[in-house]
Structure formats: C-alpha cells, structure tokens
Amino acid sequence: MSRNIRPAVFGMIAGAIAGTVLVLGLGHAGSSLVLGILVGGAYAASMQRTPRAYVDNLMAGASLGIPLWGLVSVVALPLLSRQKPEWSAEEMRALFPALVAWVLFGALLALFTQALADLAEKLLPSKVTSLIPAPKKRIVILGGGFAGMKTAECLEQQLRTNALATITLISETNALLFTPMLAEVAGSTLEPSHISTPLRSSLRRTEFIRGRVTGIDLENRSVVLAGLTSGSPAERLEVPYDHLVLALGSVSNYL
C-alpha cells in the first residue's frame, strides 16, 4: 500500500469507529458516520506520524474537536437546515452535548489512528530502518570578517532544524573588528570593545577554530592550518570539509 494512502485509510477506519460517538451526540447515523470517516481521513493524512505518541495525539485530537464543533454544529448544520445560526446562551447550552461528542470523537480518533498505524508498522513495516547513521555534511567557512560571520549566521538560520549539517568557521582572531569606526576609537569617542564582537559568543551553533590557513587540499577535501604561536609543523592541523566557503577577504591598510 502506498506510503501516502495508508495513513488516510487508517484515519478513515478510525473515523468510522469513533463516529459512533457522533451518532449518539448529533443523531443522523448515516451522515454522522460519513462525516467521521471524512474527518478521520483528513486528520491522519495531514498529521506527521510519531510512533507510540498516544498522549500527544490524545490531546491534539481532543483539541481538534472544539473547532470542529464550532464549524459543523454551530455554523454548518443550521445553515444546511436553512436556519440562521443562533449564538445566544440558550443555543450554546443546547449544543453542549454536541461539544462533548466532538471532543470525545477527536480523542478516540487520535487513539485509534495511532494504534492502527503502530500495529501496521509492526506487522507490515513500510521500510527497513538503517542502523547506520546518515553522514553529516561538513560546511567550513574560511574567514571571520563581515562575509564569513554573515554567512555563518545565515547558515545557522537556514539549517536550524537540520541535524545532519555542521558549520565550522576558521579565523586568525576570535573577534569581528568593525574597521570603519577605528577612527572613533583613536579619538577616544568609543572604547575598543564597542567595535569588536566575539565570534564564539555571537555564533551559537557554529564551531570556531582559531588558526591560520596555509593551504587547501582539493583532492582530499581538507583545509590545512598552522599554529598561530610558532607556526611549527608540529602544530599543523587538517580540517575536512564537504562544502567550503572562501571569505578570507584582504589585508586592511590601517595607515
């Protein structure tokens, strides 16, 4: 059975079972069962399945019953009966049994849909779950200036829900210096800390590496770094990458 059709079928079956509550609360056995089947199919097709999440689905289904009560019992049914909807206190009290029926219907629909989906996944699994985790994509940004930091910020925003991507920023300094305002610091108008932003604290998800880029190994897809203290070969470091962003910029002439 198709992966997209199977949840809808389970929802329709669960809607037919839970629709008995609508029959008791609304009457009109035929139309109530048809309504329950349609709502069940739409509910199951639109919800993302989480295995054994019975409590969450119970609360979501019961909450769904309230807007369904307002849409169907309060608005749609009077209009279909060629009556003007009445929202007075007396009318709302008269519709209270229908509200209880819709809430119970939503709760039972969610429970039965979850139970059918879990049972079918146990007996007829839709796919084989791989025990090997998917490899992570390593994004390496060279340079901690305006371009590098802005790129890291945008990637953090775009990949905030993607756990299979890592972001690494490599820079010689741990701070972003706003060079256009150096003259203000020289004139004692601003403090040096006012124009310097720490990279480690500004980028929450990005891993920061302080080092000097000495080369890029395109064949092995890695960045070669040297230590900032002595530059000895013992401090050589290679950072592998899948995607590389070159944002090194140029050397500023502070004179």
C-alpha atoms as a PDB file:
ATOM      1  CA  MET A   1       0.000   0.000   0.000  1.00  0.00           C
ATOM      2  CA  SER A   2       1.283   3.462  -0.855  1.00  0.00           C
ATOM      3  CA  ARG A   3       3.012   5.382   1.887  1.00  0.00           C
ATOM      4  CA  ASN A   4       0.673   8.354   1.377  1.00  0.00           C
ATOM      5  CA  ILE A   5      -2.550   6.345   1.118  1.00  0.00           C
ATOM      6  CA  ARG A   6      -2.053   4.069   4.118  1.00  0.00           C
ATOM      7  CA  PRO A   7      -2.355   6.804   6.814  1.00  0.00           C
ATOM      8  CA  ALA A   8      -5.535   8.119   5.191  1.00  0.00           C
ATOM      9  CA  VAL A   9      -7.062   4.632   5.163  1.00  0.00           C
ATOM     10  CA  PHE A  10      -6.202   4.147   8.836  1.00  0.00           C
ATOM     11  CA  GLY A  11      -7.748   7.522   9.616  1.00  0.00           C
ATOM     12  CA  MET A  12     -10.960   6.625   7.772  1.00  0.00           C
ATOM     13  CA  ILE A  13     -11.234   3.345   9.670  1.00  0.00           C
ATOM     14  CA  ALA A  14     -10.603   5.097  12.973  1.00  0.00           C
ATOM     15  CA  GLY A  15     -13.094   7.821  11.996  1.00  0.00           C
ATOM     16  CA  ALA A  16     -15.766   5.206  11.319  1.00  0.00           C
ATOM     17  CA  ILE A  17     -15.198   3.624  14.739  1.00  0.00           C
ATOM     18  CA  ALA A  18     -15.080   6.935  16.600  1.00  0.00           C
ATOM     19  CA  GLY A  19     -18.061   8.171  14.575  1.00  0.00           C
ATOM     20  CA  THR A  20     -20.391   6.161  16.799  1.00  0.00           C
ATOM     21  CA  VAL A  21     -19.906   8.899  19.397  1.00  0.00           C
ATOM     22  CA  LEU A  22     -21.117  11.468  16.859  1.00  0.00           C
ATOM     23  CA  VAL A  23     -24.170   9.328  16.180  1.00  0.00           C
ATOM     24  CA  LEU A  24     -25.057   9.418  19.878  1.00  0.00           C
ATOM     25  CA  GLY A  25     -24.373  13.149  20.211  1.00  0.00           C
ATOM     26  CA  LEU A  26     -25.640  14.503  16.893  1.00  0.00           C
ATOM     27  CA  GLY A  27     -28.084  11.876  15.669  1.00  0.00           C
ATOM     28  CA  HIS A  28     -28.422  11.233  11.907  1.00  0.00           C
ATOM     29  CA  ALA A  29     -26.483   7.962  11.917  1.00  0.00           C
ATOM     30  CA  GLY A  30     -25.609   7.916   8.220  1.00  0.00           C
ATOM     31  CA  SER A  31     -24.390  11.489   7.884  1.00  0.00           C
ATOM     32  CA  SER A  32     -22.531  11.339  11.210  1.00  0.00           C
ATOM     33  CA  LEU A  33     -20.597   8.224  10.173  1.00  0.00           C
ATOM     34  CA  VAL A  34     -19.752   9.718   6.780  1.00  0.00           C
ATOM     35  CA  LEU A  35     -18.592  12.903   8.478  1.00  0.00           C
ATOM     36  CA  GLY A  36     -16.454  10.901  10.907  1.00  0.00           C
ATOM     37  CA  ILE A  37     -14.836   8.956   8.056  1.00  0.00           C
ATOM     38  CA  LEU A  38     -14.015  12.122   6.098  1.00  0.00           C
ATOM     39  CA  VAL A  39     -12.605  13.922   9.132  1.00  0.00           C
ATOM     40  CA  GLY A  40     -10.598  10.831  10.098  1.00  0.00           C
ATOM     41  CA  GLY A  41      -9.028  10.508   6.650  1.00  0.00           C
ATOM     42  CA  ALA A  42      -8.101  14.187   6.506  1.00  0.00           C
ATOM     43  CA  TYR A  43      -6.721  14.121  10.053  1.00  0.00           C
ATOM     44  CA  ALA A  44      -4.485  11.104   9.500  1.00  0.00           C
ATOM     45  CA  ALA A  45      -3.222  12.326   6.126  1.00  0.00           C
ATOM     46  CA  SER A  46      -2.241  15.736   7.480  1.00  0.00           C
ATOM     47  CA  MET A  47      -0.563  14.595  10.716  1.00  0.00           C
ATOM     48  CA  GLN A  48       3.070  13.517  10.870  1.00  0.00           C
ATOM     49  CA  ARG A  49       3.255  10.114  12.494  1.00  0.00           C
ATOM     50  CA  THR A  50       5.305   9.606  15.663  1.00  0.00           C
ATOM     51  CA  PRO A  51       5.453   6.005  16.953  1.00  0.00           C
ATOM     52  CA  ARG A  52       3.658   5.364  20.269  1.00  0.00           C
ATOM     53  CA  ALA A  53       2.841   9.032  20.872  1.00  0.00           C
ATOM     54  CA  TYR A  54      -0.569   8.245  22.377  1.00  0.00           C
ATOM     55  CA  VAL A  55      -0.712  11.041  24.945  1.00  0.00           C
ATOM     56  CA  ASP A  56       0.275  13.749  22.459  1.00  0.00           C
ATOM     57  CA  ASN A  57      -2.218  12.503  19.885  1.00  0.00           C
ATOM     58  CA  LEU A  58      -4.950  12.231  22.513  1.00  0.00           C
ATOM     59  CA  MET A  59      -4.532  15.877  23.485  1.00  0.00           C
ATOM     60  CA  ALA A  60      -4.285  17.022  19.867  1.00  0.00           C
ATOM     61  CA  GLY A  61      -7.370  15.058  18.844  1.00  0.00           C
ATOM     62  CA  ALA A  62      -9.449  16.299  21.772  1.00  0.00           C
ATOM     63  CA  SER A  63      -8.422  19.878  20.991  1.00  0.00           C
ATOM     64  CA  LEU A  64      -9.425  19.342  17.373  1.00  0.00           C
ATOM     65  CA  GLY A  65     -12.957  18.526  18.486  1.00  0.00           C
ATOM     66  CA  ILE A  66     -13.596  22.105  19.657  1.00  0.00           C
ATOM     67  CA  PRO A  67     -13.136  23.876  16.294  1.00  0.00           C
ATOM     68  CA  LEU A  68     -14.977  21.026  14.552  1.00  0.00           C
ATOM     69  CA  TRP A  69     -17.899  21.576  16.909  1.00  0.00           C
ATOM     70  CA  GLY A  70     -17.951  25.277  16.113  1.00  0.00           C
ATOM     71  CA  LEU A  71     -17.594  24.736  12.369  1.00  0.00           C
ATOM     72  CA  VAL A  72     -20.083  21.891  11.974  1.00  0.00           C
ATOM     73  CA  SER A  73     -22.616  22.015  14.808  1.00  0.00           C
ATOM     74  CA  VAL A  74     -22.727  25.777  15.389  1.00  0.00           C
ATOM     75  CA  VAL A  75     -22.401  27.063  11.804  1.00  0.00           C
ATOM     76  CA  ALA A  76     -22.745  24.400   9.091  1.00  0.00           C
ATOM     77  CA  LEU A  77     -25.705  22.357  10.354  1.00  0.00           C
ATOM     78  CA  PRO A  78     -28.002  25.365  10.956  1.00  0.00           C
ATOM     79  CA  LEU A  79     -27.141  26.727   7.514  1.00  0.00           C
ATOM     80  CA  LEU A  80     -27.849  23.378   5.871  1.00  0.00           C
ATOM     81  CA  SER A  81     -31.190  23.331   7.701  1.00  0.00           C
ATOM     82  CA  ARG A  82     -31.885  26.809   6.270  1.00  0.00           C
ATOM     83  CA  GLN A  83     -31.728  28.369   9.700  1.00  0.00           C
ATOM     84  CA  LYS A  84     -29.765  31.378  10.829  1.00  0.00           C
ATOM     85  CA  PRO A  85     -27.050  30.410  13.357  1.00  0.00           C
ATOM     86  CA  GLU A  86     -28.008  31.464  16.880  1.00  0.00           C
ATOM     87  CA  TRP A  87     -25.173  32.185  19.284  1.00  0.00           C
ATOM     88  CA  SER A  88     -27.200  33.050  22.337  1.00  0.00           C
ATOM     89  CA  ALA A  89     -26.613  31.475  25.745  1.00  0.00           C
ATOM     90  CA  GLU A  90     -29.644  29.215  25.368  1.00  0.00           C
ATOM     91  CA  GLU A  91     -28.488  27.976  21.970  1.00  0.00           C
ATOM     92  CA  MET A  92     -24.979  27.265  23.256  1.00  0.00           C
ATOM     93  CA  ARG A  93     -26.368  25.285  26.185  1.00  0.00           C
ATOM     94  CA  ALA A  94     -28.474  23.266  23.777  1.00  0.00           C
ATOM     95  CA  LEU A  95     -25.358  22.483  21.717  1.00  0.00           C
ATOM     96  CA  PHE A  96     -23.247  21.460  24.733  1.00  0.00           C
ATOM     97  CA  PRO A  97     -23.887  17.690  24.238  1.00  0.00           C
ATOM     98  CA  ALA A  98     -22.615  18.083  20.682  1.00  0.00           C
ATOM     99  CA  LEU A  99     -19.444  19.714  22.039  1.00  0.00           C
ATOM    100  CA  VAL A 100     -18.852  16.747  24.347  1.00  0.00           C
ATOM    101  CA  ALA A 101     -19.449  14.356  21.435  1.00  0.00           C
ATOM    102  CA  TRP A 102     -16.927  16.170  19.215  1.00  0.00           C
ATOM    103  CA  VAL A 103     -14.247  16.231  21.906  1.00  0.00           C
ATOM    104  CA  LEU A 104     -14.680  12.514  22.573  1.00  0.00           C
ATOM    105  CA  PHE A 105     -14.702  11.842  18.839  1.00  0.00           C
ATOM    106  CA  GLY A 106     -11.396  13.680  18.387  1.00  0.00           C
ATOM    107  CA  ALA A 107      -9.756  11.855  21.284  1.00  0.00           C
ATOM    108  CA  LEU A 108     -10.916   8.423  20.095  1.00  0.00           C
ATOM    109  CA  LEU A 109      -9.969   9.227  16.516  1.00  0.00           C
ATOM    110  CA  ALA A 110      -6.412  10.086  17.545  1.00  0.00           C
ATOM    111  CA  LEU A 111      -6.040   6.973  19.710  1.00  0.00           C
ATOM    112  CA  PHE A 112      -7.435   4.572  17.119  1.00  0.00           C
ATOM    113  CA  THR A 113      -5.372   6.133  14.312  1.00  0.00           C
ATOM    114  CA  GLN A 114      -2.181   5.814  16.361  1.00  0.00           C
ATOM    115  CA  ALA A 115      -2.996   2.243  17.354  1.00  0.00           C
ATOM    116  CA  LEU A 116      -3.724   1.154  13.768  1.00  0.00           C
ATOM    117  CA  ALA A 117      -0.553   2.822  12.479  1.00  0.00           C
ATOM    118  CA  ASP A 118       1.634   1.208  15.147  1.00  0.00           C
ATOM    119  CA  LEU A 119       0.053  -2.199  14.561  1.00  0.00           C
ATOM    120  CA  ALA A 120       0.512  -1.967  10.798  1.00  0.00           C
ATOM    121  CA  GLU A 121       4.121  -0.808  11.178  1.00  0.00           C
ATOM    122  CA  LYS A 122       4.816  -3.815  13.417  1.00  0.00           C
ATOM    123  CA  LEU A 123       3.175  -6.358  11.112  1.00  0.00           C
ATOM    124  CA  LEU A 124       3.941  -4.749   7.727  1.00  0.00           C
ATOM    125  CA  PRO A 125       6.817  -2.272   8.075  1.00  0.00           C
ATOM    126  CA  SER A 126       6.827   0.317   5.333  1.00  0.00           C
ATOM    127  CA  LYS A 127      10.604   0.463   5.121  1.00  0.00           C
ATOM    128  CA  VAL A 128      13.700  -1.050   6.689  1.00  0.00           C
ATOM    129  CA  THR A 129      15.294   1.265   9.210  1.00  0.00           C
ATOM    130  CA  SER A 130      19.028   1.598   8.644  1.00  0.00           C
ATOM    131  CA  LEU A 131      21.249   1.082  11.662  1.00  0.00           C
ATOM    132  CA  ILE A 132      23.991   3.174  10.056  1.00  0.00           C
ATOM    133  CA  PRO A 133      23.506   6.894  10.779  1.00  0.00           C
ATOM    134  CA  ALA A 134      23.487   9.234   7.821  1.00  0.00           C
ATOM    135  CA  PRO A 135      26.805  11.064   7.346  1.00  0.00           C
ATOM    136  CA  LYS A 136      26.891  14.703   8.310  1.00  0.00           C
ATOM    137  CA  LYS A 137      27.643  17.422   5.785  1.00  0.00           C
ATOM    138  CA  ARG A 138      30.601  19.493   6.955  1.00  0.00           C
ATOM    139  CA  ILE A 139      30.471  23.157   5.955  1.00  0.00           C
ATOM    140  CA  VAL A 140      33.738  25.032   6.557  1.00  0.00           C
ATOM    141  CA  ILE A 141      33.956  28.843   6.325  1.00  0.00           C
ATOM    142  CA  LEU A 142      37.377  30.443   5.958  1.00  0.00           C
ATOM    143  CA  GLY A 143      37.497  33.967   7.363  1.00  0.00           C
ATOM    144  CA  GLY A 144      35.855  35.660  10.330  1.00  0.00           C
ATOM    145  CA  GLY A 145      35.144  39.042   8.769  1.00  0.00           C
ATOM    146  CA  PHE A 146      31.838  40.525   7.671  1.00  0.00           C
ATOM    147  CA  ALA A 147      31.346  37.957   4.883  1.00  0.00           C
ATOM    148  CA  GLY A 148      32.317  34.921   6.949  1.00  0.00           C
ATOM    149  CA  MET A 149      30.284  35.838  10.006  1.00  0.00           C
ATOM    150  CA  LYS A 150      27.200  36.779   7.954  1.00  0.00           C
ATOM    151  CA  THR A 151      27.465  33.503   6.039  1.00  0.00           C
ATOM    152  CA  ALA A 152      27.612  31.554   9.307  1.00  0.00           C
ATOM    153  CA  GLU A 153      24.599  33.426  10.694  1.00  0.00           C
ATOM    154  CA  CYS A 154      22.531  32.741   7.570  1.00  0.00           C
ATOM    155  CA  LEU A 155      23.500  29.064   7.535  1.00  0.00           C
ATOM    156  CA  GLU A 156      22.571  28.722  11.199  1.00  0.00           C
ATOM    157  CA  GLN A 157      19.149  30.156  10.391  1.00  0.00           C
ATOM    158  CA  GLN A 158      18.623  28.012   7.290  1.00  0.00           C
ATOM    159  CA  LEU A 159      19.895  24.782   8.906  1.00  0.00           C
ATOM    160  CA  ARG A 160      18.390  25.247  12.367  1.00  0.00           C
ATOM    161  CA  THR A 161      16.310  22.068  12.003  1.00  0.00           C
ATOM    162  CA  ASN A 162      18.901  20.075  10.066  1.00  0.00           C
ATOM    163  CA  ALA A 163      20.951  17.934  12.421  1.00  0.00           C
ATOM    164  CA  LEU A 164      22.932  16.412   9.537  1.00  0.00           C
ATOM    165  CA  ALA A 165      24.931  19.572   8.830  1.00  0.00           C
ATOM    166  CA  THR A 166      27.820  21.023  10.823  1.00  0.00           C
ATOM    167  CA  ILE A 167      29.229  24.527  10.427  1.00  0.00           C
ATOM    168  CA  THR A 168      32.846  25.397  11.196  1.00  0.00           C
ATOM    169  CA  LEU A 169      34.372  28.871  10.989  1.00  0.00           C
ATOM    170  CA  ILE A 170      38.153  29.330  10.851  1.00  0.00           C
ATOM    171  CA  SER A 171      39.711  32.704  11.618  1.00  0.00           C
ATOM    172  CA  GLU A 172      43.005  34.089  12.906  1.00  0.00           C
ATOM    173  CA  THR A 173      41.206  36.172  15.537  1.00  0.00           C
ATOM    174  CA  ASN A 174      38.288  35.488  17.839  1.00  0.00           C
ATOM    175  CA  ALA A 175      36.624  38.828  17.167  1.00  0.00           C
ATOM    176  CA  LEU A 176      34.968  40.690  14.325  1.00  0.00           C
ATOM    177  CA  LEU A 177      36.511  44.169  14.132  1.00  0.00           C
ATOM    178  CA  PHE A 178      34.359  46.960  12.711  1.00  0.00           C
ATOM    179  CA  THR A 179      37.219  48.789  10.976  1.00  0.00           C
ATOM    180  CA  PRO A 180      35.220  51.836   9.726  1.00  0.00           C
ATOM    181  CA  MET A 181      34.949  53.043  13.339  1.00  0.00           C
ATOM    182  CA  LEU A 182      38.636  52.720  14.257  1.00  0.00           C
ATOM    183  CA  ALA A 183      38.922  56.471  13.947  1.00  0.00           C
ATOM    184  CA  GLU A 184      36.318  56.870  16.695  1.00  0.00           C
ATOM    185  CA  VAL A 185      38.467  54.721  18.982  1.00  0.00           C
ATOM    186  CA  ALA A 186      41.569  56.740  18.129  1.00  0.00           C
ATOM    187  CA  GLY A 187      39.673  59.914  19.022  1.00  0.00           C
ATOM    188  CA  SER A 188      38.588  58.400  22.370  1.00  0.00           C
ATOM    189  CA  THR A 189      34.911  58.630  21.398  1.00  0.00           C
ATOM    190  CA  LEU A 190      34.411  54.853  21.641  1.00  0.00           C
ATOM    191  CA  GLU A 191      36.023  52.060  23.588  1.00  0.00           C
ATOM    192  CA  PRO A 192      37.796  49.295  21.634  1.00  0.00           C
ATOM    193  CA  SER A 193      35.270  46.782  22.939  1.00  0.00           C
ATOM    194  CA  HIS A 194      32.454  48.756  21.287  1.00  0.00           C
ATOM    195  CA  ILE A 195      33.656  47.907  17.771  1.00  0.00           C
ATOM    196  CA  SER A 196      34.755  44.321  18.423  1.00  0.00           C
ATOM    197  CA  THR A 197      32.304  41.391  18.516  1.00  0.00           C
ATOM    198  CA  PRO A 198      33.458  37.971  19.821  1.00  0.00           C
ATOM    199  CA  LEU A 199      32.832  35.254  17.240  1.00  0.00           C
ATOM    200  CA  ARG A 200      32.449  32.404  19.733  1.00  0.00           C
ATOM    201  CA  SER A 201      29.573  34.046  21.629  1.00  0.00           C
ATOM    202  CA  SER A 202      27.874  35.527  18.540  1.00  0.00           C
ATOM    203  CA  LEU A 203      27.595  32.227  16.649  1.00  0.00           C
ATOM    204  CA  ARG A 204      25.736  29.675  18.761  1.00  0.00           C
ATOM    205  CA  ARG A 205      25.788  26.606  16.539  1.00  0.00           C
ATOM    206  CA  THR A 206      28.986  27.226  14.587  1.00  0.00           C
ATOM    207  CA  GLU A 207      32.207  25.598  15.764  1.00  0.00           C
ATOM    208  CA  PHE A 208      35.029  28.147  15.904  1.00  0.00           C
ATOM    209  CA  ILE A 209      38.659  27.244  15.187  1.00  0.00           C
ATOM    210  CA  ARG A 210      41.384  29.842  15.654  1.00  0.00           C
ATOM    211  CA  GLY A 211      44.136  29.235  13.130  1.00  0.00           C
ATOM    212  CA  ARG A 212      45.925  30.472  10.009  1.00  0.00           C
ATOM    213  CA  VAL A 213      45.034  28.855   6.680  1.00  0.00           C
ATOM    214  CA  THR A 214      48.181  27.750   4.849  1.00  0.00           C
ATOM    215  CA  GLY A 215      46.660  25.616   2.124  1.00  0.00           C
ATOM    216  CA  ILE A 216      43.659  23.735   0.749  1.00  0.00           C
ATOM    217  CA  ASP A 217      43.928  20.088  -0.280  1.00  0.00           C
ATOM    218  CA  LEU A 218      41.309  19.873  -3.019  1.00  0.00           C
ATOM    219  CA  GLU A 219      41.904  16.189  -3.689  1.00  0.00           C
ATOM    220  CA  ASN A 220      41.341  15.121  -0.064  1.00  0.00           C
ATOM    221  CA  ARG A 221      38.846  17.934   0.600  1.00  0.00           C
ATOM    222  CA  SER A 222      40.562  19.376   3.657  1.00  0.00           C
ATOM    223  CA  VAL A 223      41.883  22.730   4.858  1.00  0.00           C
ATOM    224  CA  VAL A 224      45.462  22.901   6.147  1.00  0.00           C
ATOM    225  CA  LEU A 225      46.052  25.132   9.188  1.00  0.00           C
ATOM    226  CA  ALA A 226      49.181  26.252  11.033  1.00  0.00           C
ATOM    227  CA  GLY A 227      49.518  27.288  14.658  1.00  0.00           C
ATOM    228  CA  LEU A 228      49.431  30.982  15.468  1.00  0.00           C
ATOM    229  CA  THR A 229      52.191  30.871  18.062  1.00  0.00           C
ATOM    230  CA  SER A 230      55.270  29.367  16.419  1.00  0.00           C
ATOM    231  CA  GLY A 231      53.967  28.062  13.102  1.00  0.00           C
ATOM    232  CA  SER A 232      55.921  24.839  13.562  1.00  0.00           C
ATOM    233  CA  PRO A 233      54.983  21.731  11.547  1.00  0.00           C
ATOM    234  CA  ALA A 234      54.021  20.014  14.807  1.00  0.00           C
ATOM    235  CA  GLU A 235      51.046  22.344  15.063  1.00  0.00           C
ATOM    236  CA  ARG A 236      49.804  21.508  11.580  1.00  0.00           C
ATOM    237  CA  LEU A 237      46.092  20.740  11.511  1.00  0.00           C
ATOM    238  CA  GLU A 238      43.793  19.500   8.754  1.00  0.00           C
ATOM    239  CA  VAL A 239      40.049  20.208   8.815  1.00  0.00           C
ATOM    240  CA  PRO A 240      37.956  18.071   6.417  1.00  0.00           C
ATOM    241  CA  TYR A 241      35.037  19.618   4.556  1.00  0.00           C
ATOM    242  CA  ASP A 242      32.189  18.773   2.190  1.00  0.00           C
ATOM    243  CA  HIS A 243      31.389  22.383   1.304  1.00  0.00           C
ATOM    244  CA  LEU A 244      33.967  25.172   1.515  1.00  0.00           C
ATOM    245  CA  VAL A 245      33.249  28.920   1.732  1.00  0.00           C
ATOM    246  CA  LEU A 246      36.145  31.263   0.938  1.00  0.00           C
ATOM    247  CA  ALA A 247      35.591  34.535   2.834  1.00  0.00           C
ATOM    248  CA  LEU A 248      39.182  35.491   3.675  1.00  0.00           C
ATOM    249  CA  GLY A 249      38.849  38.987   2.213  1.00  0.00           C
ATOM    250  CA  SER A 250      42.013  41.064   2.021  1.00  0.00           C
ATOM    251  CA  VAL A 251      44.564  42.715   4.321  1.00  0.00           C
ATOM    252  CA  SER A 252      43.477  46.147   5.557  1.00  0.00           C
ATOM    253  CA  ASN A 253      45.878  49.064   5.273  1.00  0.00           C
ATOM    254  CA  TYR A 254      45.409  50.710   8.661  1.00  0.00           C
ATOM    255  CA  LEU A 255      47.788  53.567   7.799  1.00  0.00           C
END
